[in-house]
Amino acid sequence: MGHHINALIGTNEALKSFNMRLGLPAPTELSFGLVIIPLDE
């Protein structure tokens, strides 16, 4: 069974401007100082 995920993954600092500009959901922390922000279809 496969999955298709649309998201941005990066550091919180790198994605902060995308999140504020586009009104995306709050990022979820991952390992190694990375965060993931899901994108709409």
Foldseek 3Di string as FASTA:
>chain_A
DDDDFAKDKDACVVCVVVCVVVVFDDWDDDPPRMTITGDDD
